[in-house]
N, C-alpha and C. Protein backbone atom coordinates (compact mmCIF):
# COMPACT_ATOMS: atom_id res chain seq x y z
N MET A 1 44.92 82.11 -26.35
CA MET A 1 44.45 83.16 -25.47
C MET A 1 45.46 84.19 -25.16
N PHE A 2 46.92 83.84 -25.21
CA PHE A 2 47.92 84.73 -24.98
C PHE A 2 47.78 85.88 -25.94
N PHE A 3 47.45 85.75 -27.22
CA PHE A 3 47.40 86.77 -28.20
C PHE A 3 46.37 87.83 -28.03
N GLN A 4 45.07 87.25 -27.74
CA GLN A 4 43.96 87.85 -27.48
C GLN A 4 44.06 88.87 -26.16
N THR A 5 44.79 88.34 -25.30
CA THR A 5 45.07 89.08 -23.97
C THR A 5 46.08 90.28 -24.40
N LYS A 6 47.09 89.92 -25.06
CA LYS A 6 48.09 90.92 -25.47
C LYS A 6 47.58 92.09 -26.40
N ILE A 7 46.76 91.74 -27.27
CA ILE A 7 45.97 92.65 -28.14
C ILE A 7 45.15 93.67 -27.32
N THR A 8 44.42 92.91 -26.53
CA THR A 8 43.34 93.72 -25.46
C THR A 8 44.24 94.83 -24.70
N GLU A 9 45.21 94.05 -23.99
CA GLU A 9 46.16 94.93 -23.19
C GLU A 9 46.71 96.29 -23.93
N ARG A 10 47.12 95.98 -25.04
CA ARG A 10 47.65 97.05 -25.89
C ARG A 10 46.67 98.01 -26.27
N LEU A 11 45.46 97.74 -26.53
CA LEU A 11 44.37 98.64 -26.80
C LEU A 11 43.98 99.62 -25.61
N ILE A 12 43.97 98.81 -24.54
CA ILE A 12 43.68 99.30 -23.13
C ILE A 12 44.92 100.51 -22.79
N SER A 13 46.02 99.92 -23.08
CA SER A 13 47.13 100.76 -22.75
C SER A 13 47.23 102.19 -23.55
N VAL A 14 46.89 101.92 -24.77
CA VAL A 14 46.81 103.13 -25.57
C VAL A 14 45.59 104.18 -25.20
N TYR A 15 44.38 103.68 -24.85
CA TYR A 15 43.47 104.56 -24.34
C TYR A 15 43.29 104.67 -22.94
N LYS A 16 44.06 104.15 -22.09
CA LYS A 16 44.22 104.08 -20.64
C LYS A 16 43.26 104.15 -19.52
N LYS A 17 42.12 104.47 -19.94
CA LYS A 17 41.07 104.53 -18.83
C LYS A 17 39.71 103.99 -19.61
N ASP A 18 39.29 103.40 -18.48
CA ASP A 18 37.73 103.15 -18.68
C ASP A 18 37.13 102.76 -19.76
N ILE A 19 37.50 101.69 -20.51
CA ILE A 19 36.84 101.26 -21.73
C ILE A 19 36.78 99.65 -21.37
N ASN A 20 35.71 99.23 -22.13
CA ASN A 20 35.41 97.81 -21.89
C ASN A 20 35.48 97.12 -23.30
N ILE A 21 36.15 96.16 -23.41
CA ILE A 21 36.31 95.49 -24.79
C ILE A 21 35.72 94.11 -24.66
N ASP A 22 34.96 93.77 -25.57
CA ASP A 22 34.25 92.38 -25.70
C ASP A 22 34.15 91.89 -27.12
N TYR A 23 34.17 90.65 -27.16
CA TYR A 23 34.11 89.92 -28.62
C TYR A 23 33.59 88.57 -28.42
N ASP A 24 32.85 88.11 -29.33
CA ASP A 24 32.45 86.85 -29.39
C ASP A 24 33.57 85.64 -29.84
N ALA A 25 34.27 86.04 -30.82
CA ALA A 25 35.31 85.07 -31.33
C ALA A 25 36.54 85.88 -31.68
N PHE A 26 37.66 85.20 -31.48
CA PHE A 26 38.95 85.81 -31.88
C PHE A 26 39.76 84.71 -32.40
N GLU A 27 40.25 84.79 -33.72
CA GLU A 27 41.14 83.66 -34.16
C GLU A 27 42.26 84.26 -34.96
N MET A 28 43.39 83.44 -34.79
CA MET A 28 44.61 83.98 -35.29
C MET A 28 45.29 82.90 -35.86
N ASP A 29 45.97 82.92 -37.04
CA ASP A 29 46.75 81.95 -37.56
C ASP A 29 48.16 82.36 -37.52
N ILE A 30 49.09 81.41 -37.88
CA ILE A 30 50.60 81.69 -37.59
C ILE A 30 51.14 82.50 -38.80
N PHE A 31 50.14 82.84 -39.82
CA PHE A 31 50.64 83.83 -40.94
C PHE A 31 50.10 85.20 -40.56
N GLY A 32 49.60 85.39 -39.50
CA GLY A 32 49.33 86.69 -39.07
C GLY A 32 47.83 87.19 -39.61
N GLU A 33 46.93 86.34 -39.93
CA GLU A 33 45.65 86.69 -40.29
C GLU A 33 44.76 86.50 -39.16
N THR A 34 43.98 87.54 -38.62
CA THR A 34 43.29 87.68 -37.60
C THR A 34 41.89 87.97 -37.77
N ASN A 35 41.00 87.22 -37.17
CA ASN A 35 39.57 87.72 -37.35
C ASN A 35 38.83 87.83 -35.91
N ILE A 36 38.14 88.89 -35.72
CA ILE A 36 37.50 89.08 -34.48
C ILE A 36 35.94 89.23 -34.77
N GLU A 37 35.06 88.59 -34.35
CA GLU A 37 33.70 88.70 -34.48
C GLU A 37 33.00 89.51 -33.35
N ASN A 38 32.07 90.08 -33.72
CA ASN A 38 31.15 91.07 -32.69
C ASN A 38 32.17 91.71 -31.65
N LEU A 39 32.98 92.48 -32.18
CA LEU A 39 33.71 93.45 -31.43
C LEU A 39 32.95 94.51 -31.03
N LEU A 40 32.93 94.73 -29.64
CA LEU A 40 32.04 95.78 -28.96
C LEU A 40 33.16 96.56 -27.92
N ILE A 41 33.06 97.78 -28.11
CA ILE A 41 34.04 98.67 -27.30
C ILE A 41 33.10 99.85 -26.68
N LYS A 42 32.97 99.74 -25.21
CA LYS A 42 32.12 100.58 -24.56
C LYS A 42 33.12 101.65 -23.79
N ASP A 43 32.58 102.90 -23.51
CA ASP A 43 33.24 103.82 -22.82
C ASP A 43 32.98 103.66 -21.36
N HIS A 44 33.58 104.71 -20.55
CA HIS A 44 33.36 104.60 -19.07
C HIS A 44 31.97 105.01 -18.60
N HIS A 45 31.07 105.23 -19.52
CA HIS A 45 29.60 105.46 -19.22
C HIS A 45 28.89 104.20 -19.73
N ASN A 46 29.53 103.13 -20.15
CA ASN A 46 29.01 102.05 -20.57
C ASN A 46 28.11 102.32 -21.93
N ASP A 47 28.52 103.32 -22.64
CA ASP A 47 27.91 103.60 -23.89
C ASP A 47 28.62 102.91 -24.95
N THR A 48 28.05 102.24 -25.93
CA THR A 48 28.89 101.81 -27.05
C THR A 48 29.49 102.82 -27.77
N ILE A 49 30.96 102.70 -28.00
CA ILE A 49 31.56 103.70 -28.96
C ILE A 49 32.00 103.06 -30.36
N ILE A 50 32.32 101.84 -30.34
CA ILE A 50 32.60 101.04 -31.50
C ILE A 50 31.97 99.73 -31.46
N TYR A 51 31.33 99.29 -32.62
CA TYR A 51 30.94 97.88 -32.71
C TYR A 51 31.28 97.54 -34.32
N VAL A 52 31.88 96.38 -34.43
CA VAL A 52 32.13 95.85 -35.76
C VAL A 52 31.62 94.36 -35.74
N LYS A 53 30.76 94.05 -36.68
CA LYS A 53 30.40 92.56 -36.69
C LYS A 53 31.50 91.77 -37.01
N GLU A 54 32.38 92.10 -37.97
CA GLU A 54 33.70 91.32 -38.12
C GLU A 54 34.72 92.30 -38.56
N LEU A 55 35.89 91.93 -37.91
CA LEU A 55 37.02 92.75 -38.04
C LEU A 55 38.19 91.82 -38.48
N ARG A 56 38.74 92.03 -39.62
CA ARG A 56 39.82 91.14 -40.08
C ARG A 56 41.01 91.92 -40.47
N PHE A 57 42.18 91.61 -39.76
CA PHE A 57 43.58 91.98 -40.08
C PHE A 57 44.24 91.05 -40.97
N LEU A 58 44.85 91.28 -42.03
CA LEU A 58 45.48 90.49 -42.91
C LEU A 58 46.98 90.75 -42.97
N LYS A 59 47.72 89.68 -42.78
CA LYS A 59 49.26 89.65 -42.89
C LYS A 59 49.86 90.36 -41.84
N THR A 60 49.30 90.55 -40.64
CA THR A 60 50.17 91.15 -39.52
C THR A 60 51.23 90.14 -39.21
N PRO A 61 52.58 90.44 -39.29
CA PRO A 61 53.62 89.44 -39.19
C PRO A 61 53.44 88.93 -37.62
N PHE A 62 53.44 87.79 -37.51
CA PHE A 62 53.23 87.00 -36.06
C PHE A 62 54.20 87.52 -35.08
N PHE A 63 55.47 87.51 -35.46
CA PHE A 63 56.57 87.93 -34.55
C PHE A 63 56.43 89.40 -33.99
N GLU A 64 55.74 90.20 -34.73
CA GLU A 64 55.87 91.64 -34.32
C GLU A 64 54.89 91.77 -33.06
N LEU A 65 54.03 90.86 -32.91
CA LEU A 65 53.19 90.88 -31.70
C LEU A 65 53.99 90.74 -30.33
N PHE A 66 55.02 90.23 -30.38
CA PHE A 66 55.91 90.25 -29.19
C PHE A 66 56.57 91.28 -28.84
N ASP A 67 56.67 92.36 -29.97
CA ASP A 67 57.12 93.68 -29.53
C ASP A 67 56.13 94.72 -29.55
N ASN A 68 54.91 94.26 -29.25
CA ASN A 68 53.74 95.24 -29.01
C ASN A 68 53.42 96.00 -30.31
N LYS A 69 53.50 95.50 -31.58
CA LYS A 69 53.46 96.05 -32.80
C LYS A 69 52.22 95.44 -33.45
N ILE A 70 51.26 96.12 -33.96
CA ILE A 70 50.30 95.60 -34.88
C ILE A 70 50.40 96.62 -36.27
N ASN A 71 50.80 95.99 -37.20
CA ASN A 71 50.94 96.55 -38.34
C ASN A 71 50.36 95.73 -39.68
N PRO A 72 49.04 95.75 -39.67
CA PRO A 72 48.48 95.00 -40.83
C PRO A 72 48.68 95.53 -42.14
N ASN A 73 48.55 94.68 -43.05
CA ASN A 73 48.49 95.15 -44.50
C ASN A 73 47.27 95.50 -44.96
N LYS A 74 46.37 94.86 -44.34
CA LYS A 74 44.89 95.27 -44.90
C LYS A 74 44.01 95.06 -43.72
N ILE A 75 42.98 95.96 -43.65
CA ILE A 75 42.12 95.68 -42.47
C ILE A 75 40.63 95.71 -43.24
N ASP A 76 39.82 94.62 -43.08
CA ASP A 76 38.46 94.58 -43.29
C ASP A 76 37.47 94.86 -42.32
N LEU A 77 36.41 95.55 -42.56
CA LEU A 77 35.52 95.89 -41.47
C LEU A 77 34.14 95.60 -42.04
N VAL A 78 33.36 94.76 -41.57
CA VAL A 78 32.04 94.43 -41.89
C VAL A 78 30.88 95.07 -40.48
N ASP A 79 30.15 95.95 -41.24
CA ASP A 79 29.02 96.51 -40.26
C ASP A 79 29.71 97.27 -39.21
N LEU A 80 30.56 98.26 -39.54
CA LEU A 80 31.11 99.15 -38.43
C LEU A 80 30.36 100.24 -38.07
N LYS A 81 30.21 100.53 -36.78
CA LYS A 81 29.46 101.54 -36.19
C LYS A 81 30.33 102.18 -35.23
N ILE A 82 30.37 103.54 -35.30
CA ILE A 82 31.29 104.34 -34.56
C ILE A 82 30.33 105.52 -33.84
N LYS A 83 30.47 105.70 -32.62
CA LYS A 83 29.70 106.73 -31.90
C LYS A 83 30.69 107.59 -31.13
N VAL A 84 30.77 109.16 -31.66
CA VAL A 84 31.69 109.86 -31.02
C VAL A 84 30.86 110.64 -30.05
N VAL A 85 31.45 110.59 -28.69
CA VAL A 85 30.77 111.17 -27.64
C VAL A 85 31.68 112.42 -26.88
N LYS A 86 30.98 113.29 -26.62
CA LYS A 86 31.70 114.35 -25.58
C LYS A 86 30.84 114.57 -24.48
N TYR A 87 31.18 114.23 -23.17
CA TYR A 87 30.36 114.31 -22.15
C TYR A 87 30.54 115.92 -21.65
N LEU A 88 29.44 116.32 -21.07
CA LEU A 88 29.53 117.72 -20.55
C LEU A 88 30.41 117.56 -19.13
N ASN A 89 31.19 118.60 -18.83
CA ASN A 89 32.04 118.71 -17.67
C ASN A 89 33.04 117.52 -17.55
N GLU A 90 33.41 116.94 -18.73
CA GLU A 90 34.67 115.90 -18.71
C GLU A 90 35.73 116.52 -19.76
N THR A 91 36.93 116.53 -19.28
CA THR A 91 37.93 117.08 -20.11
C THR A 91 38.41 115.85 -21.19
N ASN A 92 38.31 114.68 -20.84
CA ASN A 92 38.96 113.58 -21.61
C ASN A 92 37.85 113.32 -22.71
N LYS A 93 38.47 112.86 -24.09
CA LYS A 93 37.51 112.51 -25.08
C LYS A 93 37.43 111.04 -25.18
N HIS A 94 36.38 110.39 -25.20
CA HIS A 94 36.26 109.09 -25.21
C HIS A 94 35.43 108.41 -26.44
C-alpha cells in the first residue's frame, strides 16, 4: 500500500488541485513491473478526464520510487480514453 499511496501523492502534487484518482487493482513487483487496472481520473467537476482499463509500467527501477521518480522503460495502455476540457470562466486547464 505504501507505493500505491506514494504514486497517487506524486500525481496529485503534479496537478495540485481537485483531481480524484481511483483504481480497482494496483500490483507492483520488486523488479519494477507495475500494473494498474481500471484507472479513473476525474477533474474538479467530477468529469472523467482519463480512463485506462489497464496501465502497465515496465522496468521502473524500484529504488527510484524513494526519490519520487517514475521513469519506466515501457508503458502499455489498454482501452485508453482521454477527455480534454476547458470550462468557461476558469483559468486553470484540467
